[in-house]
Amino acid sequence: MIRNVITLQSDVSAYDAVKIMNENKIGCLVVLQYGQVAGILTERDLLERVLEKCKNPREISITEIMTKRVIVGKPDMQLVEAAKLMFEKKVKKLPIVEGNRLVGLVTMTDLARMSNFDEKFMQLIETRERFLEVCKQAWDITVSQQDCCSVQVK
């Protein structure tokens, strides 16, 4: 997890945000408002909402183009949980929030570096999920059979 997350306030232009991203060689910025995560600005946001629509980055505020519904993780999440959440929600950047305060950021690159993240790892996650689902179904069947088979003797 990256602990020194580069953030910016919501009143910054897209142009200034791009300059910050380029200077730091990063692919996203977490947008804060009153010290809380208000959004995330990714390269994809800039491509789709500025470049593709031929908008002037000096004239557009990041609040107009950032992703506002931010999927966040918690500091006590296991690596596998973070990876699963990121794959399920199709996000490549996961801000880590404790209470309302940003404490870090996990990216797909971080996952790859930390766990030699590859196809086998994803297969392991998927196998684990299928196993847990089968166990849950077996448990539900067992409990329902016990409920219908139990006879009260008076």
C-alpha atoms as a PDB file:
ATOM      1  CA  MET A   1       0.000   0.000   0.000  1.00  0.00           C
ATOM      2  CA  ILE A   2       1.209   3.467  -0.862  1.00  0.00           C
ATOM      3  CA  ARG A   3       1.037   5.551   2.303  1.00  0.00           C
ATOM      4  CA  ASN A   4       2.084   8.928   0.900  1.00  0.00           C
ATOM      5  CA  VAL A   5      -0.819   9.371  -1.482  1.00  0.00           C
ATOM      6  CA  ILE A   6      -0.646  12.426  -3.683  1.00  0.00           C
ATOM      7  CA  THR A   7      -3.936  14.235  -3.338  1.00  0.00           C
ATOM      8  CA  LEU A   8      -5.443  17.484  -4.457  1.00  0.00           C
ATOM      9  CA  GLN A   9      -8.348  19.708  -3.596  1.00  0.00           C
ATOM     10  CA  SER A  10     -11.483  19.757  -5.698  1.00  0.00           C
ATOM     11  CA  ASP A  11     -10.954  23.262  -7.123  1.00  0.00           C
ATOM     12  CA  VAL A  12      -8.014  22.289  -9.385  1.00  0.00           C
ATOM     13  CA  SER A  13      -8.183  22.348 -13.184  1.00  0.00           C
ATOM     14  CA  ALA A  14      -7.695  19.223 -15.252  1.00  0.00           C
ATOM     15  CA  TYR A  15      -4.553  20.800 -16.689  1.00  0.00           C
ATOM     16  CA  ASP A  16      -2.979  21.280 -13.262  1.00  0.00           C
ATOM     17  CA  ALA A  17      -3.967  17.743 -12.276  1.00  0.00           C
ATOM     18  CA  VAL A  18      -2.249  16.348 -15.386  1.00  0.00           C
ATOM     19  CA  LYS A  19       0.896  18.319 -14.552  1.00  0.00           C
ATOM     20  CA  ILE A  20       0.934  16.820 -11.037  1.00  0.00           C
ATOM     21  CA  MET A  21       0.374  13.305 -12.398  1.00  0.00           C
ATOM     22  CA  ASN A  22       3.182  13.714 -14.946  1.00  0.00           C
ATOM     23  CA  GLU A  23       5.616  15.222 -12.437  1.00  0.00           C
ATOM     24  CA  ASN A  24       5.046  12.299 -10.068  1.00  0.00           C
ATOM     25  CA  LYS A  25       4.712   9.644 -12.791  1.00  0.00           C
ATOM     26  CA  ILE A  26       1.413   8.397 -11.371  1.00  0.00           C
ATOM     27  CA  GLY A  27      -1.868   7.320 -12.927  1.00  0.00           C
ATOM     28  CA  CYS A  28      -4.345   8.797 -10.472  1.00  0.00           C
ATOM     29  CA  LEU A  29      -4.950  11.467  -7.889  1.00  0.00           C
ATOM     30  CA  VAL A  30      -7.291  11.203  -4.931  1.00  0.00           C
ATOM     31  CA  VAL A  31      -9.473  14.287  -4.656  1.00  0.00           C
ATOM     32  CA  LEU A  32     -10.135  15.574  -1.155  1.00  0.00           C
ATOM     33  CA  GLN A  33     -12.806  17.917   0.066  1.00  0.00           C
ATOM     34  CA  TYR A  34     -12.797  18.945   3.715  1.00  0.00           C
ATOM     35  CA  GLY A  35     -10.172  16.276   4.348  1.00  0.00           C
ATOM     36  CA  GLN A  36     -12.345  13.432   3.053  1.00  0.00           C
ATOM     37  CA  VAL A  37     -12.223  11.487  -0.196  1.00  0.00           C
ATOM     38  CA  ALA A  38     -14.547  13.244  -2.648  1.00  0.00           C
ATOM     39  CA  GLY A  39     -13.412  11.465  -5.787  1.00  0.00           C
ATOM     40  CA  ILE A  40     -10.580   9.950  -7.732  1.00  0.00           C
ATOM     41  CA  LEU A  41      -9.131  11.267 -10.960  1.00  0.00           C
ATOM     42  CA  THR A  42      -7.619   8.627 -13.213  1.00  0.00           C
ATOM     43  CA  GLU A  43      -5.954   8.655 -16.592  1.00  0.00           C
ATOM     44  CA  ARG A  44      -9.109   7.019 -17.933  1.00  0.00           C
ATOM     45  CA  ASP A  45     -11.240   9.931 -16.638  1.00  0.00           C
ATOM     46  CA  LEU A  46      -8.980  12.389 -18.456  1.00  0.00           C
ATOM     47  CA  LEU A  47      -9.054  10.386 -21.684  1.00  0.00           C
ATOM     48  CA  GLU A  48     -12.822   9.877 -21.741  1.00  0.00           C
ATOM     49  CA  ARG A  49     -14.060  13.178 -20.342  1.00  0.00           C
ATOM     50  CA  VAL A  50     -11.492  15.690 -21.578  1.00  0.00           C
ATOM     51  CA  LEU A  51      -9.453  14.436 -24.524  1.00  0.00           C
ATOM     52  CA  GLU A  52     -12.169  12.454 -26.305  1.00  0.00           C
ATOM     53  CA  LYS A  53     -14.666  15.304 -25.892  1.00  0.00           C
ATOM     54  CA  CYS A  54     -12.080  17.907 -26.984  1.00  0.00           C
ATOM     55  CA  LYS A  55     -12.492  19.982 -23.827  1.00  0.00           C
ATOM     56  CA  ASN A  56      -9.898  22.527 -22.794  1.00  0.00           C
ATOM     57  CA  PRO A  57      -8.125  21.072 -19.725  1.00  0.00           C
ATOM     58  CA  ARG A  58      -7.325  24.592 -18.473  1.00  0.00           C
ATOM     59  CA  GLU A  59     -11.024  25.440 -18.352  1.00  0.00           C
ATOM     60  CA  ILE A  60     -12.470  22.277 -16.843  1.00  0.00           C
ATOM     61  CA  SER A  61     -12.463  21.537 -13.128  1.00  0.00           C
ATOM     62  CA  ILE A  62     -11.584  18.072 -11.921  1.00  0.00           C
ATOM     63  CA  THR A  63     -14.934  17.919 -10.112  1.00  0.00           C
ATOM     64  CA  GLU A  64     -16.565  17.777 -13.553  1.00  0.00           C
ATOM     65  CA  ILE A  65     -14.532  14.784 -14.713  1.00  0.00           C
ATOM     66  CA  MET A  66     -13.457  12.810 -11.629  1.00  0.00           C
ATOM     67  CA  THR A  67     -15.063   9.561 -10.593  1.00  0.00           C
ATOM     68  CA  LYS A  68     -17.298  10.503  -7.689  1.00  0.00           C
ATOM     69  CA  ARG A  69     -18.429   7.072  -6.531  1.00  0.00           C
ATOM     70  CA  VAL A  70     -15.155   5.860  -5.123  1.00  0.00           C
ATOM     71  CA  ILE A  71     -14.742   2.242  -4.101  1.00  0.00           C
ATOM     72  CA  VAL A  72     -12.587   2.217  -0.966  1.00  0.00           C
ATOM     73  CA  GLY A  73     -10.853  -0.405   1.124  1.00  0.00           C
ATOM     74  CA  LYS A  74     -10.015  -0.623   4.808  1.00  0.00           C
ATOM     75  CA  PRO A  75      -6.557  -0.730   6.384  1.00  0.00           C
ATOM     76  CA  ASP A  76      -7.168  -4.160   7.925  1.00  0.00           C
ATOM     77  CA  MET A  77      -8.083  -5.821   4.602  1.00  0.00           C
ATOM     78  CA  GLN A  78      -6.051  -8.811   3.526  1.00  0.00           C
ATOM     79  CA  LEU A  79      -4.308  -8.610   0.164  1.00  0.00           C
ATOM     80  CA  VAL A  80      -6.668 -11.219  -1.275  1.00  0.00           C
ATOM     81  CA  GLU A  81      -9.699  -9.232  -0.104  1.00  0.00           C
ATOM     82  CA  ALA A  82      -8.398  -6.052  -1.735  1.00  0.00           C
ATOM     83  CA  ALA A  83      -7.653  -7.917  -4.973  1.00  0.00           C
ATOM     84  CA  LYS A  84     -11.093  -9.529  -4.999  1.00  0.00           C
ATOM     85  CA  LEU A  85     -12.825  -6.187  -4.396  1.00  0.00           C
ATOM     86  CA  MET A  86     -10.819  -4.520  -7.140  1.00  0.00           C
ATOM     87  CA  PHE A  87     -11.639  -7.273  -9.646  1.00  0.00           C
ATOM     88  CA  GLU A  88     -15.323  -7.387  -8.694  1.00  0.00           C
ATOM     89  CA  LYS A  89     -15.734  -3.617  -8.956  1.00  0.00           C
ATOM     90  CA  LYS A  90     -13.384  -3.367 -11.964  1.00  0.00           C
ATOM     91  CA  VAL A  91     -11.144  -0.725 -10.405  1.00  0.00           C
ATOM     92  CA  LYS A  92      -7.392  -0.448 -10.694  1.00  0.00           C
ATOM     93  CA  LYS A  93      -6.931   2.009  -7.833  1.00  0.00           C
ATOM     94  CA  LEU A  94      -8.287   1.404  -4.328  1.00  0.00           C
ATOM     95  CA  PRO A  95      -8.045   4.252  -1.815  1.00  0.00           C
ATOM     96  CA  ILE A  96      -7.706   2.917   1.725  1.00  0.00           C
ATOM     97  CA  VAL A  97      -9.826   4.824   4.227  1.00  0.00           C
ATOM     98  CA  GLU A  98      -9.937   4.615   8.000  1.00  0.00           C
ATOM     99  CA  GLY A  99     -13.038   6.326   9.307  1.00  0.00           C
ATOM    100  CA  ASN A 100     -13.262   9.243   6.895  1.00  0.00           C
ATOM    101  CA  ARG A 101      -9.500   9.735   6.566  1.00  0.00           C
ATOM    102  CA  LEU A 102      -7.417   8.606   3.589  1.00  0.00           C
ATOM    103  CA  VAL A 103      -4.529   6.463   4.846  1.00  0.00           C
ATOM    104  CA  GLY A 104      -3.234   4.856   1.663  1.00  0.00           C
ATOM    105  CA  LEU A 105      -3.779   3.595  -1.854  1.00  0.00           C
ATOM    106  CA  VAL A 106      -3.511   0.119  -3.352  1.00  0.00           C
ATOM    107  CA  THR A 107      -3.066  -0.221  -7.102  1.00  0.00           C
ATOM    108  CA  MET A 108      -2.990  -3.188  -9.437  1.00  0.00           C
ATOM    109  CA  THR A 109       0.726  -2.524  -9.826  1.00  0.00           C
ATOM    110  CA  ASP A 110       1.147  -2.864  -6.048  1.00  0.00           C
ATOM    111  CA  LEU A 111      -0.689  -6.184  -6.112  1.00  0.00           C
ATOM    112  CA  ALA A 112       1.483  -7.442  -8.941  1.00  0.00           C
ATOM    113  CA  ARG A 113       4.651  -6.469  -7.122  1.00  0.00           C
ATOM    114  CA  MET A 114       3.600  -7.893  -3.770  1.00  0.00           C
ATOM    115  CA  SER A 115       2.295 -11.247  -4.839  1.00  0.00           C
ATOM    116  CA  ASN A 116       3.670 -12.033  -8.270  1.00  0.00           C
ATOM    117  CA  PHE A 117       0.080 -11.470  -9.265  1.00  0.00           C
ATOM    118  CA  ASP A 118      -0.692 -13.629 -12.268  1.00  0.00           C
ATOM    119  CA  GLU A 119      -3.316 -15.905 -13.714  1.00  0.00           C
ATOM    120  CA  LYS A 120      -2.608 -18.662 -11.176  1.00  0.00           C
ATOM    121  CA  PHE A 121      -3.242 -16.258  -8.301  1.00  0.00           C
ATOM    122  CA  MET A 122      -6.587 -15.227  -9.791  1.00  0.00           C
ATOM    123  CA  GLN A 123      -7.491 -18.882 -10.298  1.00  0.00           C
ATOM    124  CA  LEU A 124      -6.697 -19.462  -6.634  1.00  0.00           C
ATOM    125  CA  ILE A 125      -9.016 -16.608  -5.607  1.00  0.00           C
ATOM    126  CA  GLU A 126     -11.799 -17.912  -7.857  1.00  0.00           C
ATOM    127  CA  THR A 127     -11.342 -21.499  -6.622  1.00  0.00           C
ATOM    128  CA  ARG A 128     -11.494 -20.315  -3.014  1.00  0.00           C
ATOM    129  CA  GLU A 129     -14.706 -18.389  -3.724  1.00  0.00           C
ATOM    130  CA  ARG A 130     -16.320 -21.406  -5.434  1.00  0.00           C
ATOM    131  CA  PHE A 131     -15.246 -23.643  -2.539  1.00  0.00           C
ATOM    132  CA  LEU A 132     -16.754 -21.269   0.021  1.00  0.00           C
ATOM    133  CA  GLU A 133     -19.995 -21.065  -1.983  1.00  0.00           C
ATOM    134  CA  VAL A 134     -20.245 -24.884  -2.161  1.00  0.00           C
ATOM    135  CA  CYS A 135     -19.587 -25.110   1.599  1.00  0.00           C
ATOM    136  CA  LYS A 136     -22.311 -22.537   2.255  1.00  0.00           C
ATOM    137  CA  GLN A 137     -24.782 -24.425   0.056  1.00  0.00           C
ATOM    138  CA  ALA A 138     -23.923 -27.717   1.781  1.00  0.00           C
ATOM    139  CA  TRP A 139     -24.408 -26.063   5.158  1.00  0.00           C
ATOM    140  CA  ASP A 140     -27.781 -24.619   4.123  1.00  0.00           C
ATOM    141  CA  ILE A 141     -28.931 -28.047   2.878  1.00  0.00           C
ATOM    142  CA  THR A 142     -27.764 -29.749   6.079  1.00  0.00           C
ATOM    143  CA  VAL A 143     -29.524 -27.214   8.282  1.00  0.00           C
ATOM    144  CA  SER A 144     -32.760 -27.388   6.266  1.00  0.00           C
ATOM    145  CA  GLN A 145     -32.726 -31.213   6.405  1.00  0.00           C
ATOM    146  CA  GLN A 146     -32.214 -31.135  10.157  1.00  0.00           C
ATOM    147  CA  ASP A 147     -35.081 -28.652  10.534  1.00  0.00           C
ATOM    148  CA  CYS A 148     -37.560 -30.744   8.537  1.00  0.00           C
ATOM    149  CA  CYS A 149     -36.426 -34.044  10.056  1.00  0.00           C
ATOM    150  CA  SER A 150     -36.640 -32.940  13.667  1.00  0.00           C
ATOM    151  CA  VAL A 151     -39.811 -34.193  15.290  1.00  0.00           C
ATOM    152  CA  GLN A 152     -40.901 -33.041  18.655  1.00  0.00           C
ATOM    153  CA  VAL A 153     -42.037 -35.851  20.919  1.00  0.00           C
ATOM    154  CA  LYS A 154     -44.640 -34.948  23.516  1.00  0.00           C
END
